[in-house]
Amino acid sequence: MTIDSLSNVSRPDFSRLVDLTKLNLSGENQSISANPEERSSVATFLGLRAVDQLDGQFALNPRGREVLLLSGTIFARVVHNCSISLEAVAADHKINVKLIYNNTAAVKLKERDINFAVEDPEPPELILDGKLDLADIMLEHLILNLNPYPRAPGIVFDGFLEGSREDQEGYNSENKPFAALSRLTAKLKK
């Protein structure tokens, strides 16, 4: 899955490519800050009211020519719509990231590797074309950390009924989802 396939909105205008072929073998630190236009593009892509902050600090540490260890922290401040009242809801995120990348195209899942436990380490990500987009890493981890149903403080959803439908006042068994189909089937059988 790619970032492009996550939304019907076009990919945000936010990219920070690192050419790993030019990476210092002793490692490098990278800091990223999205500018206002990029944050606006990311907000549109994610269906948010706003992204007020989107920063990342990463350490890229090669282990030979095949493996790259990436660790870092993403800082974000986003503004959602409350899932009930549609009021603005701000949320701060501090997301720690640790990833392993492998430059070897031969790294593939084998049939025996499909079964894994939760505590197993993540398999290495594949490096394509010798480049790594730190902005994509930031977006992926931000998406995974967003609250899908944010609520404004003090907002409570009380729309669910207690008990069964039959116990509710005004319940009519003729309004069941398949009642009309049952009546039609009964007519056809006559």
N, C-alpha and C. Protein backbone atom coordinates (compact mmCIF):
# COMPACT_ATOMS: atom_id res chain seq x y z
N MET A 1 0.85 -1.17 0.00
CA MET A 1 0.00 0.00 0.00
C MET A 1 0.89 1.23 0.00
N THR A 2 0.50 2.22 -0.75
CA THR A 2 1.26 3.46 -0.80
C THR A 2 0.43 4.59 -0.21
N ILE A 3 1.08 5.69 0.09
CA ILE A 3 0.37 6.86 0.59
C ILE A 3 -0.70 7.28 -0.42
N ASP A 4 -0.41 7.16 -1.71
CA ASP A 4 -1.36 7.58 -2.74
C ASP A 4 -2.68 6.81 -2.68
N SER A 5 -2.66 5.56 -2.22
CA SER A 5 -3.87 4.75 -2.23
C SER A 5 -4.72 4.96 -0.98
N LEU A 6 -4.32 5.81 -0.05
CA LEU A 6 -5.04 5.99 1.19
C LEU A 6 -6.19 6.98 1.11
N SER A 7 -6.28 7.73 0.06
CA SER A 7 -7.30 8.77 -0.02
C SER A 7 -7.69 9.00 -1.46
N ASN A 8 -8.92 9.51 -1.65
CA ASN A 8 -9.33 9.86 -3.00
C ASN A 8 -8.88 11.28 -3.36
N VAL A 9 -8.24 11.96 -2.42
CA VAL A 9 -7.66 13.28 -2.66
C VAL A 9 -6.23 13.04 -3.15
N SER A 10 -5.78 13.87 -4.07
CA SER A 10 -4.43 13.64 -4.61
C SER A 10 -3.38 13.77 -3.52
N ARG A 11 -2.25 13.13 -3.76
CA ARG A 11 -1.16 13.09 -2.80
C ARG A 11 -0.80 14.50 -2.36
N PRO A 12 -0.55 14.68 -1.07
CA PRO A 12 -0.20 16.02 -0.60
C PRO A 12 1.14 16.49 -1.17
N ASP A 13 1.25 17.78 -1.32
CA ASP A 13 2.49 18.37 -1.81
C ASP A 13 3.46 18.50 -0.64
N PHE A 14 4.02 17.36 -0.24
CA PHE A 14 4.92 17.31 0.91
C PHE A 14 5.88 16.14 0.69
N SER A 15 7.13 16.46 0.43
CA SER A 15 8.12 15.42 0.17
C SER A 15 9.49 15.90 0.64
N ARG A 16 10.24 14.97 1.22
CA ARG A 16 11.62 15.24 1.61
C ARG A 16 12.45 14.00 1.28
N LEU A 17 12.95 13.98 0.06
CA LEU A 17 13.73 12.82 -0.39
C LEU A 17 15.15 12.89 0.14
N VAL A 18 15.64 11.75 0.58
CA VAL A 18 17.03 11.61 1.00
C VAL A 18 17.67 10.62 0.05
N ASP A 19 18.75 11.04 -0.60
CA ASP A 19 19.49 10.16 -1.50
C ASP A 19 20.43 9.33 -0.63
N LEU A 20 20.10 8.07 -0.45
CA LEU A 20 20.87 7.22 0.45
C LEU A 20 22.24 6.85 -0.12
N THR A 21 22.42 7.02 -1.42
CA THR A 21 23.73 6.74 -2.01
C THR A 21 24.75 7.81 -1.59
N LYS A 22 24.26 8.96 -1.15
CA LYS A 22 25.14 10.04 -0.71
C LYS A 22 25.18 10.18 0.81
N LEU A 23 24.56 9.24 1.50
CA LEU A 23 24.50 9.29 2.96
C LEU A 23 25.85 8.97 3.57
N ASN A 24 26.24 9.77 4.53
CA ASN A 24 27.49 9.56 5.25
C ASN A 24 27.42 8.21 5.96
N LEU A 25 28.42 7.36 5.78
CA LEU A 25 28.40 6.02 6.37
C LEU A 25 28.43 6.03 7.89
N SER A 26 28.81 7.15 8.49
CA SER A 26 28.79 7.24 9.95
C SER A 26 27.43 7.71 10.46
N GLY A 27 26.51 7.99 9.54
CA GLY A 27 25.16 8.39 9.92
C GLY A 27 24.93 9.88 9.78
N GLU A 28 23.67 10.25 9.71
CA GLU A 28 23.30 11.66 9.60
C GLU A 28 22.01 11.91 10.36
N ASN A 29 21.85 13.14 10.78
CA ASN A 29 20.59 13.59 11.39
C ASN A 29 19.87 14.48 10.40
N GLN A 30 18.57 14.34 10.32
CA GLN A 30 17.75 15.15 9.42
C GLN A 30 16.60 15.76 10.22
N SER A 31 16.37 17.03 10.05
CA SER A 31 15.22 17.72 10.65
C SER A 31 14.33 18.23 9.53
N ILE A 32 13.04 18.04 9.73
CA ILE A 32 12.06 18.45 8.72
C ILE A 32 10.98 19.28 9.39
N SER A 33 10.60 20.36 8.74
CA SER A 33 9.46 21.17 9.16
C SER A 33 8.62 21.47 7.92
N ALA A 34 7.36 21.09 7.98
CA ALA A 34 6.47 21.38 6.85
C ALA A 34 6.10 22.86 6.89
N ASN A 35 6.13 23.50 5.73
CA ASN A 35 5.74 24.92 5.66
C ASN A 35 4.21 25.02 5.62
N PRO A 36 3.64 26.22 5.74
CA PRO A 36 2.17 26.37 5.79
C PRO A 36 1.45 25.75 4.58
N GLU A 37 2.00 25.90 3.38
CA GLU A 37 1.35 25.32 2.19
C GLU A 37 1.34 23.79 2.27
N GLU A 38 2.45 23.21 2.71
CA GLU A 38 2.53 21.76 2.85
C GLU A 38 1.57 21.25 3.93
N ARG A 39 1.50 21.96 5.05
CA ARG A 39 0.58 21.56 6.12
C ARG A 39 -0.87 21.64 5.65
N SER A 40 -1.20 22.65 4.86
CA SER A 40 -2.55 22.78 4.31
C SER A 40 -2.86 21.62 3.38
N SER A 41 -1.90 21.25 2.56
CA SER A 41 -2.06 20.12 1.64
C SER A 41 -2.25 18.81 2.41
N VAL A 42 -1.47 18.62 3.47
CA VAL A 42 -1.59 17.42 4.30
C VAL A 42 -2.96 17.40 4.99
N ALA A 43 -3.43 18.54 5.48
CA ALA A 43 -4.74 18.62 6.14
C ALA A 43 -5.85 18.21 5.17
N THR A 44 -5.78 18.69 3.95
CA THR A 44 -6.78 18.32 2.94
C THR A 44 -6.73 16.83 2.67
N PHE A 45 -5.53 16.29 2.50
CA PHE A 45 -5.34 14.87 2.23
C PHE A 45 -5.91 14.00 3.35
N LEU A 46 -5.73 14.42 4.59
CA LEU A 46 -6.16 13.63 5.75
C LEU A 46 -7.58 13.95 6.20
N GLY A 47 -8.23 14.93 5.58
CA GLY A 47 -9.59 15.28 5.96
C GLY A 47 -9.65 15.99 7.30
N LEU A 48 -8.62 16.77 7.60
CA LEU A 48 -8.55 17.52 8.86
C LEU A 48 -8.87 18.99 8.60
N ARG A 49 -9.29 19.70 9.65
CA ARG A 49 -9.49 21.14 9.52
C ARG A 49 -8.16 21.85 9.26
N ALA A 50 -7.14 21.42 9.99
CA ALA A 50 -5.83 22.07 9.88
C ALA A 50 -4.75 21.17 10.43
N VAL A 51 -3.54 21.39 9.95
CA VAL A 51 -2.34 20.83 10.55
C VAL A 51 -1.50 22.04 10.92
N ASP A 52 -1.44 22.34 12.21
CA ASP A 52 -0.75 23.54 12.68
C ASP A 52 0.75 23.34 12.85
N GLN A 53 1.16 22.08 13.03
CA GLN A 53 2.58 21.77 13.17
C GLN A 53 2.82 20.39 12.59
N LEU A 54 3.90 20.23 11.87
CA LEU A 54 4.32 18.92 11.37
C LEU A 54 5.84 18.97 11.21
N ASP A 55 6.53 18.45 12.22
CA ASP A 55 7.99 18.47 12.27
C ASP A 55 8.49 17.06 12.54
N GLY A 56 9.69 16.79 12.07
CA GLY A 56 10.32 15.50 12.34
C GLY A 56 11.80 15.65 12.54
N GLN A 57 12.32 14.84 13.44
CA GLN A 57 13.76 14.76 13.68
C GLN A 57 14.15 13.30 13.54
N PHE A 58 15.07 13.01 12.62
CA PHE A 58 15.42 11.64 12.32
C PHE A 58 16.93 11.43 12.38
N ALA A 59 17.31 10.24 12.81
CA ALA A 59 18.70 9.79 12.75
C ALA A 59 18.74 8.64 11.75
N LEU A 60 19.56 8.78 10.71
CA LEU A 60 19.72 7.74 9.70
C LEU A 60 21.10 7.12 9.89
N ASN A 61 21.13 5.85 10.26
CA ASN A 61 22.38 5.17 10.57
C ASN A 61 22.56 3.94 9.70
N PRO A 62 23.41 4.04 8.66
CA PRO A 62 23.66 2.88 7.81
C PRO A 62 24.42 1.80 8.58
N ARG A 63 24.10 0.56 8.26
CA ARG A 63 24.85 -0.59 8.78
C ARG A 63 25.38 -1.31 7.55
N GLY A 64 26.53 -0.86 7.10
CA GLY A 64 27.07 -1.37 5.84
C GLY A 64 26.34 -0.72 4.67
N ARG A 65 26.36 -1.37 3.54
CA ARG A 65 25.72 -0.82 2.35
C ARG A 65 24.30 -1.37 2.15
N GLU A 66 23.90 -2.34 2.95
CA GLU A 66 22.62 -3.01 2.73
C GLU A 66 21.51 -2.56 3.68
N VAL A 67 21.86 -2.18 4.90
CA VAL A 67 20.85 -1.94 5.94
C VAL A 67 20.94 -0.50 6.45
N LEU A 68 19.77 0.09 6.68
CA LEU A 68 19.68 1.43 7.24
C LEU A 68 18.76 1.39 8.45
N LEU A 69 19.24 1.91 9.57
CA LEU A 69 18.41 2.06 10.76
C LEU A 69 17.94 3.50 10.82
N LEU A 70 16.63 3.68 10.93
CA LEU A 70 16.05 5.01 11.03
C LEU A 70 15.32 5.11 12.35
N SER A 71 15.63 6.14 13.11
CA SER A 71 14.88 6.39 14.34
C SER A 71 14.62 7.89 14.41
N GLY A 72 13.55 8.22 15.07
CA GLY A 72 13.24 9.64 15.16
C GLY A 72 11.93 9.90 15.88
N THR A 73 11.57 11.17 15.87
CA THR A 73 10.34 11.61 16.52
C THR A 73 9.62 12.58 15.60
N ILE A 74 8.31 12.39 15.52
CA ILE A 74 7.44 13.26 14.73
C ILE A 74 6.60 14.06 15.71
N PHE A 75 6.54 15.37 15.49
CA PHE A 75 5.72 16.25 16.31
C PHE A 75 4.64 16.85 15.41
N ALA A 76 3.39 16.71 15.84
CA ALA A 76 2.29 17.25 15.03
C ALA A 76 1.21 17.83 15.93
N ARG A 77 0.61 18.88 15.45
CA ARG A 77 -0.58 19.46 16.08
C ARG A 77 -1.62 19.55 14.97
N VAL A 78 -2.71 18.81 15.15
CA VAL A 78 -3.76 18.76 14.13
C VAL A 78 -5.08 19.23 14.72
N VAL A 79 -5.97 19.66 13.85
CA VAL A 79 -7.31 20.08 14.28
C VAL A 79 -8.31 19.24 13.49
N HIS A 80 -9.05 18.40 14.24
CA HIS A 80 -10.09 17.53 13.69
C HIS A 80 -11.44 18.23 13.76
N ASN A 81 -12.44 17.60 13.19
CA ASN A 81 -13.83 17.91 13.48
C ASN A 81 -14.31 16.90 14.51
N CYS A 82 -15.00 17.37 15.53
CA CYS A 82 -15.60 16.46 16.50
C CYS A 82 -16.55 15.53 15.73
N SER A 83 -16.48 14.24 15.99
CA SER A 83 -17.29 13.28 15.25
C SER A 83 -18.77 13.37 15.60
N ILE A 84 -19.13 14.13 16.63
CA ILE A 84 -20.54 14.28 17.01
C ILE A 84 -21.05 15.69 16.74
N SER A 85 -20.34 16.69 17.26
CA SER A 85 -20.82 18.07 17.17
C SER A 85 -20.20 18.86 16.01
N LEU A 86 -19.16 18.33 15.40
CA LEU A 86 -18.40 18.98 14.34
C LEU A 86 -17.63 20.21 14.80
N GLU A 87 -17.49 20.39 16.12
CA GLU A 87 -16.65 21.46 16.66
C GLU A 87 -15.19 21.13 16.38
N ALA A 88 -14.34 22.16 16.40
CA ALA A 88 -12.90 21.96 16.22
C ALA A 88 -12.33 21.27 17.45
N VAL A 89 -11.49 20.25 17.21
CA VAL A 89 -10.83 19.52 18.28
C VAL A 89 -9.34 19.45 17.95
N ALA A 90 -8.52 20.09 18.76
CA ALA A 90 -7.07 20.08 18.55
C ALA A 90 -6.46 18.86 19.24
N ALA A 91 -5.44 18.31 18.62
CA ALA A 91 -4.75 17.16 19.21
C ALA A 91 -3.26 17.29 18.92
N ASP A 92 -2.46 17.06 19.95
CA ASP A 92 -1.01 17.08 19.82
C ASP A 92 -0.50 15.64 19.76
N HIS A 93 0.48 15.40 18.89
CA HIS A 93 1.05 14.07 18.73
C HIS A 93 2.56 14.16 18.83
N LYS A 94 3.12 13.24 19.59
CA LYS A 94 4.57 13.02 19.63
C LYS A 94 4.74 11.53 19.34
N ILE A 95 5.26 11.24 18.15
CA ILE A 95 5.30 9.87 17.65
C ILE A 95 6.75 9.42 17.49
N ASN A 96 7.12 8.38 18.22
CA ASN A 96 8.47 7.83 18.09
C ASN A 96 8.47 6.78 16.98
N VAL A 97 9.51 6.82 16.16
CA VAL A 97 9.60 5.94 14.99
C VAL A 97 10.93 5.21 15.03
N LYS A 98 10.88 3.90 14.80
CA LYS A 98 12.10 3.09 14.65
C LYS A 98 11.82 2.11 13.51
N LEU A 99 12.59 2.24 12.45
CA LEU A 99 12.41 1.40 11.27
C LEU A 99 13.74 0.86 10.79
N ILE A 100 13.68 -0.29 10.16
CA ILE A 100 14.86 -0.89 9.53
C ILE A 100 14.57 -0.99 8.04
N TYR A 101 15.52 -0.53 7.24
CA TYR A 101 15.39 -0.61 5.77
C TYR A 101 16.48 -1.51 5.24
N ASN A 102 16.16 -2.21 4.16
CA ASN A 102 17.12 -3.10 3.53
C ASN A 102 17.19 -2.77 2.05
N ASN A 103 18.39 -2.72 1.53
CA ASN A 103 18.61 -2.35 0.14
C ASN A 103 18.63 -3.56 -0.79
N THR A 104 18.43 -4.75 -0.24
CA THR A 104 18.52 -5.96 -1.03
C THR A 104 17.16 -6.34 -1.58
N ALA A 105 17.07 -6.41 -2.89
CA ALA A 105 15.80 -6.77 -3.54
C ALA A 105 15.39 -8.19 -3.20
N ALA A 106 16.31 -9.00 -2.72
CA ALA A 106 16.00 -10.39 -2.41
C ALA A 106 15.22 -10.56 -1.12
N VAL A 107 15.02 -9.46 -0.38
CA VAL A 107 14.26 -9.56 0.86
C VAL A 107 12.78 -9.70 0.50
N LYS A 108 12.26 -10.90 0.66
CA LYS A 108 10.86 -11.17 0.34
C LYS A 108 10.28 -12.05 1.42
N LEU A 109 8.99 -11.96 1.60
CA LEU A 109 8.34 -12.86 2.54
C LEU A 109 8.34 -14.26 1.97
N LYS A 110 8.74 -15.20 2.77
CA LYS A 110 8.65 -16.60 2.40
C LYS A 110 7.42 -17.15 3.09
N GLU A 111 6.95 -18.27 2.60
CA GLU A 111 5.72 -18.83 3.15
C GLU A 111 5.82 -19.03 4.65
N ARG A 112 6.97 -19.43 5.14
CA ARG A 112 7.12 -19.66 6.58
C ARG A 112 7.12 -18.35 7.37
N ASP A 113 7.39 -17.22 6.72
CA ASP A 113 7.44 -15.94 7.41
C ASP A 113 6.06 -15.30 7.60
N ILE A 114 5.03 -15.89 7.01
CA ILE A 114 3.70 -15.30 7.09
C ILE A 114 3.14 -15.42 8.50
N ASN A 115 3.47 -16.50 9.22
CA ASN A 115 3.01 -16.66 10.59
C ASN A 115 3.97 -15.93 11.52
N PHE A 116 3.44 -14.99 12.29
CA PHE A 116 4.29 -14.24 13.18
C PHE A 116 3.51 -13.87 14.45
N ALA A 117 4.24 -13.53 15.47
CA ALA A 117 3.65 -13.12 16.74
C ALA A 117 3.76 -11.61 16.89
N VAL A 118 2.93 -11.06 17.74
CA VAL A 118 2.91 -9.62 17.96
C VAL A 118 4.26 -9.10 18.41
N GLU A 119 4.97 -9.89 19.22
CA GLU A 119 6.25 -9.43 19.74
C GLU A 119 7.40 -9.59 18.75
N ASP A 120 7.17 -10.22 17.60
CA ASP A 120 8.21 -10.34 16.58
C ASP A 120 8.59 -8.97 16.05
N PRO A 121 9.88 -8.77 15.71
CA PRO A 121 10.28 -7.48 15.13
C PRO A 121 9.67 -7.31 13.74
N GLU A 122 9.46 -6.06 13.38
CA GLU A 122 8.94 -5.76 12.04
C GLU A 122 9.95 -6.20 10.99
N PRO A 123 9.48 -6.76 9.89
CA PRO A 123 10.44 -7.07 8.83
C PRO A 123 10.99 -5.78 8.24
N PRO A 124 12.18 -5.83 7.65
CA PRO A 124 12.73 -4.59 7.09
C PRO A 124 11.92 -4.07 5.92
N GLU A 125 11.87 -2.74 5.82
CA GLU A 125 11.25 -2.09 4.67
C GLU A 125 12.25 -2.14 3.52
N LEU A 126 11.76 -2.11 2.32
CA LEU A 126 12.64 -2.17 1.15
C LEU A 126 12.96 -0.77 0.67
N ILE A 127 14.22 -0.50 0.40
CA ILE A 127 14.65 0.77 -0.16
C ILE A 127 14.52 0.68 -1.68
N LEU A 128 13.78 1.60 -2.27
CA LEU A 128 13.60 1.60 -3.72
C LEU A 128 14.38 2.75 -4.34
N ASP A 129 15.12 2.45 -5.38
CA ASP A 129 15.86 3.45 -6.16
C ASP A 129 16.87 4.24 -5.33
N GLY A 130 17.30 3.70 -4.18
CA GLY A 130 18.31 4.37 -3.38
C GLY A 130 17.84 5.65 -2.71
N LYS A 131 16.51 5.85 -2.66
CA LYS A 131 15.98 7.08 -2.05
C LYS A 131 14.94 6.73 -0.98
N LEU A 132 14.82 7.62 -0.03
CA LEU A 132 13.87 7.46 1.05
C LEU A 132 13.16 8.79 1.25
N ASP A 133 11.83 8.76 1.29
CA ASP A 133 11.06 10.00 1.48
C ASP A 133 10.65 10.09 2.95
N LEU A 134 11.32 10.96 3.69
CA LEU A 134 11.03 11.13 5.11
C LEU A 134 9.63 11.69 5.33
N ALA A 135 9.12 12.47 4.39
CA ALA A 135 7.77 13.02 4.50
C ALA A 135 6.74 11.89 4.46
N ASP A 136 6.95 10.88 3.62
CA ASP A 136 6.04 9.73 3.58
C ASP A 136 6.03 8.99 4.91
N ILE A 137 7.19 8.86 5.52
CA ILE A 137 7.27 8.20 6.83
C ILE A 137 6.46 9.01 7.85
N MET A 138 6.61 10.32 7.80
CA MET A 138 5.86 11.18 8.73
C MET A 138 4.36 11.03 8.51
N LEU A 139 3.92 11.06 7.26
CA LEU A 139 2.49 10.93 6.96
C LEU A 139 1.94 9.58 7.40
N GLU A 140 2.66 8.52 7.09
CA GLU A 140 2.21 7.19 7.46
C GLU A 140 2.00 7.06 8.96
N HIS A 141 2.98 7.52 9.72
CA HIS A 141 2.87 7.39 11.18
C HIS A 141 1.86 8.36 11.78
N LEU A 142 1.69 9.52 11.18
CA LEU A 142 0.65 10.43 11.64
C LEU A 142 -0.72 9.81 11.41
N ILE A 143 -0.94 9.25 10.22
CA ILE A 143 -2.22 8.61 9.91
C ILE A 143 -2.53 7.52 10.92
N LEU A 144 -1.54 6.71 11.26
CA LEU A 144 -1.75 5.61 12.19
C LEU A 144 -2.05 6.09 13.61
N ASN A 145 -1.70 7.32 13.92
CA ASN A 145 -1.90 7.84 15.27
C ASN A 145 -3.08 8.78 15.41
N LEU A 146 -3.77 9.09 14.32
CA LEU A 146 -4.93 9.98 14.41
C LEU A 146 -6.12 9.26 15.04
N ASN A 147 -6.86 9.97 15.85
CA ASN A 147 -8.08 9.43 16.44
C ASN A 147 -9.16 9.41 15.36
N PRO A 148 -9.71 8.24 15.04
CA PRO A 148 -10.73 8.21 13.98
C PRO A 148 -12.06 8.83 14.38
N TYR A 149 -12.33 8.95 15.68
CA TYR A 149 -13.58 9.53 16.16
C TYR A 149 -13.30 10.55 17.26
N PRO A 150 -12.69 11.67 16.91
CA PRO A 150 -12.36 12.67 17.95
C PRO A 150 -13.63 13.29 18.52
N ARG A 151 -13.56 13.63 19.80
CA ARG A 151 -14.70 14.29 20.45
C ARG A 151 -14.23 15.55 21.16
N ALA A 152 -15.06 16.56 21.05
CA ALA A 152 -14.80 17.80 21.78
C ALA A 152 -15.02 17.52 23.27
N PRO A 153 -14.33 18.24 24.14
CA PRO A 153 -14.51 18.03 25.58
C PRO A 153 -15.97 18.21 25.98
N GLY A 154 -16.46 17.27 26.78
CA GLY A 154 -17.82 17.36 27.30
C GLY A 154 -18.90 16.85 26.35
N ILE A 155 -18.57 16.51 25.14
CA ILE A 155 -19.57 16.02 24.18
C ILE A 155 -19.80 14.53 24.41
N VAL A 156 -21.07 14.16 24.55
CA VAL A 156 -21.44 12.77 24.79
C VAL A 156 -22.45 12.36 23.73
N PHE A 157 -22.28 11.19 23.18
CA PHE A 157 -23.23 10.66 22.22
C PHE A 157 -24.22 9.79 22.97
N ASP A 158 -25.47 10.19 22.96
CA ASP A 158 -26.49 9.42 23.68
C ASP A 158 -27.56 8.89 22.73
N GLY A 159 -27.18 8.62 21.50
CA GLY A 159 -28.13 8.17 20.50
C GLY A 159 -28.42 6.69 20.51
N PHE A 160 -27.64 5.88 21.24
CA PHE A 160 -27.91 4.44 21.26
C PHE A 160 -29.05 4.14 22.21
N LEU A 161 -29.86 3.18 21.83
CA LEU A 161 -30.98 2.75 22.65
C LEU A 161 -30.50 1.69 23.63
N GLU A 162 -31.15 1.64 24.78
CA GLU A 162 -30.84 0.59 25.74
C GLU A 162 -31.88 -0.49 25.60
N GLY A 163 -31.47 -1.73 25.74
CA GLY A 163 -32.39 -2.85 25.59
C GLY A 163 -32.55 -3.22 24.13
N SER A 164 -33.47 -4.13 23.87
CA SER A 164 -33.70 -4.58 22.50
C SER A 164 -34.65 -3.62 21.78
N ARG A 165 -34.72 -3.73 20.47
CA ARG A 165 -35.63 -2.89 19.69
C ARG A 165 -37.08 -3.13 20.07
N GLU A 166 -37.39 -4.39 20.34
CA GLU A 166 -38.78 -4.74 20.68
C GLU A 166 -39.24 -4.03 21.95
N ASP A 167 -38.30 -3.69 22.83
CA ASP A 167 -38.65 -3.03 24.10
C ASP A 167 -38.86 -1.52 23.93
N GLN A 168 -38.55 -0.97 22.79
CA GLN A 168 -38.62 0.47 22.60
C GLN A 168 -40.04 0.92 22.30
N GLU A 169 -40.38 2.08 22.82
CA GLU A 169 -41.69 2.66 22.57
C GLU A 169 -41.85 2.96 21.08
N GLY A 170 -42.97 2.61 20.52
CA GLY A 170 -43.23 2.88 19.12
C GLY A 170 -42.65 1.83 18.18
N TYR A 171 -42.14 0.72 18.72
CA TYR A 171 -41.57 -0.32 17.86
C TYR A 171 -42.68 -0.99 17.07
N ASN A 172 -42.45 -1.20 15.80
CA ASN A 172 -43.41 -1.84 14.91
C ASN A 172 -42.68 -2.96 14.19
N SER A 173 -43.12 -4.21 14.41
CA SER A 173 -42.44 -5.36 13.80
C SER A 173 -42.54 -5.34 12.28
N GLU A 174 -43.48 -4.58 11.73
CA GLU A 174 -43.61 -4.48 10.27
C GLU A 174 -42.46 -3.67 9.66
N ASN A 175 -41.71 -2.95 10.47
CA ASN A 175 -40.62 -2.12 9.96
C ASN A 175 -39.26 -2.80 10.04
N LYS A 176 -39.24 -4.10 10.31
CA LYS A 176 -37.97 -4.81 10.34
C LYS A 176 -37.36 -4.76 8.95
N PRO A 177 -36.04 -4.83 8.84
CA PRO A 177 -35.40 -4.69 7.53
C PRO A 177 -35.88 -5.69 6.48
N PHE A 178 -36.20 -6.91 6.87
CA PHE A 178 -36.60 -7.92 5.88
C PHE A 178 -38.09 -8.23 5.93
N ALA A 179 -38.88 -7.40 6.60
CA ALA A 179 -40.32 -7.64 6.69
C ALA A 179 -40.98 -7.58 5.32
N ALA A 180 -40.61 -6.61 4.51
CA ALA A 180 -41.20 -6.49 3.17
C ALA A 180 -40.83 -7.71 2.32
N LEU A 181 -39.61 -8.18 2.43
CA LEU A 181 -39.18 -9.36 1.69
C LEU A 181 -39.97 -10.59 2.15
N SER A 182 -40.21 -10.71 3.44
CA SER A 182 -40.99 -11.82 3.97
C SER A 182 -42.42 -11.80 3.42
N ARG A 183 -43.01 -10.62 3.37
CA ARG A 183 -44.38 -10.50 2.82
C ARG A 183 -44.40 -10.87 1.35
N LEU A 184 -43.42 -10.43 0.59
CA LEU A 184 -43.35 -10.75 -0.83
C LEU A 184 -43.16 -12.24 -1.05
N THR A 185 -42.30 -12.86 -0.25
CA THR A 185 -42.07 -14.31 -0.35
C THR A 185 -43.34 -15.07 -0.03
N ALA A 186 -44.07 -14.63 0.98
CA ALA A 186 -45.33 -15.28 1.36
C ALA A 186 -46.34 -15.18 0.23
N LYS A 187 -46.43 -14.04 -0.46
CA LYS A 187 -47.34 -13.87 -1.58
C LYS A 187 -46.97 -14.80 -2.73
N LEU A 188 -45.68 -14.92 -3.02
CA LEU A 188 -45.22 -15.76 -4.11
C LEU A 188 -45.49 -17.25 -3.87
N LYS A 189 -45.50 -17.66 -2.59
CA LYS A 189 -45.72 -19.05 -2.25
C LYS A 189 -47.20 -19.42 -2.40
N LYS A 190 -48.12 -18.45 -2.39
CA LYS A 190 -49.56 -18.73 -2.50
C LYS A 190 -49.96 -19.16 -3.84
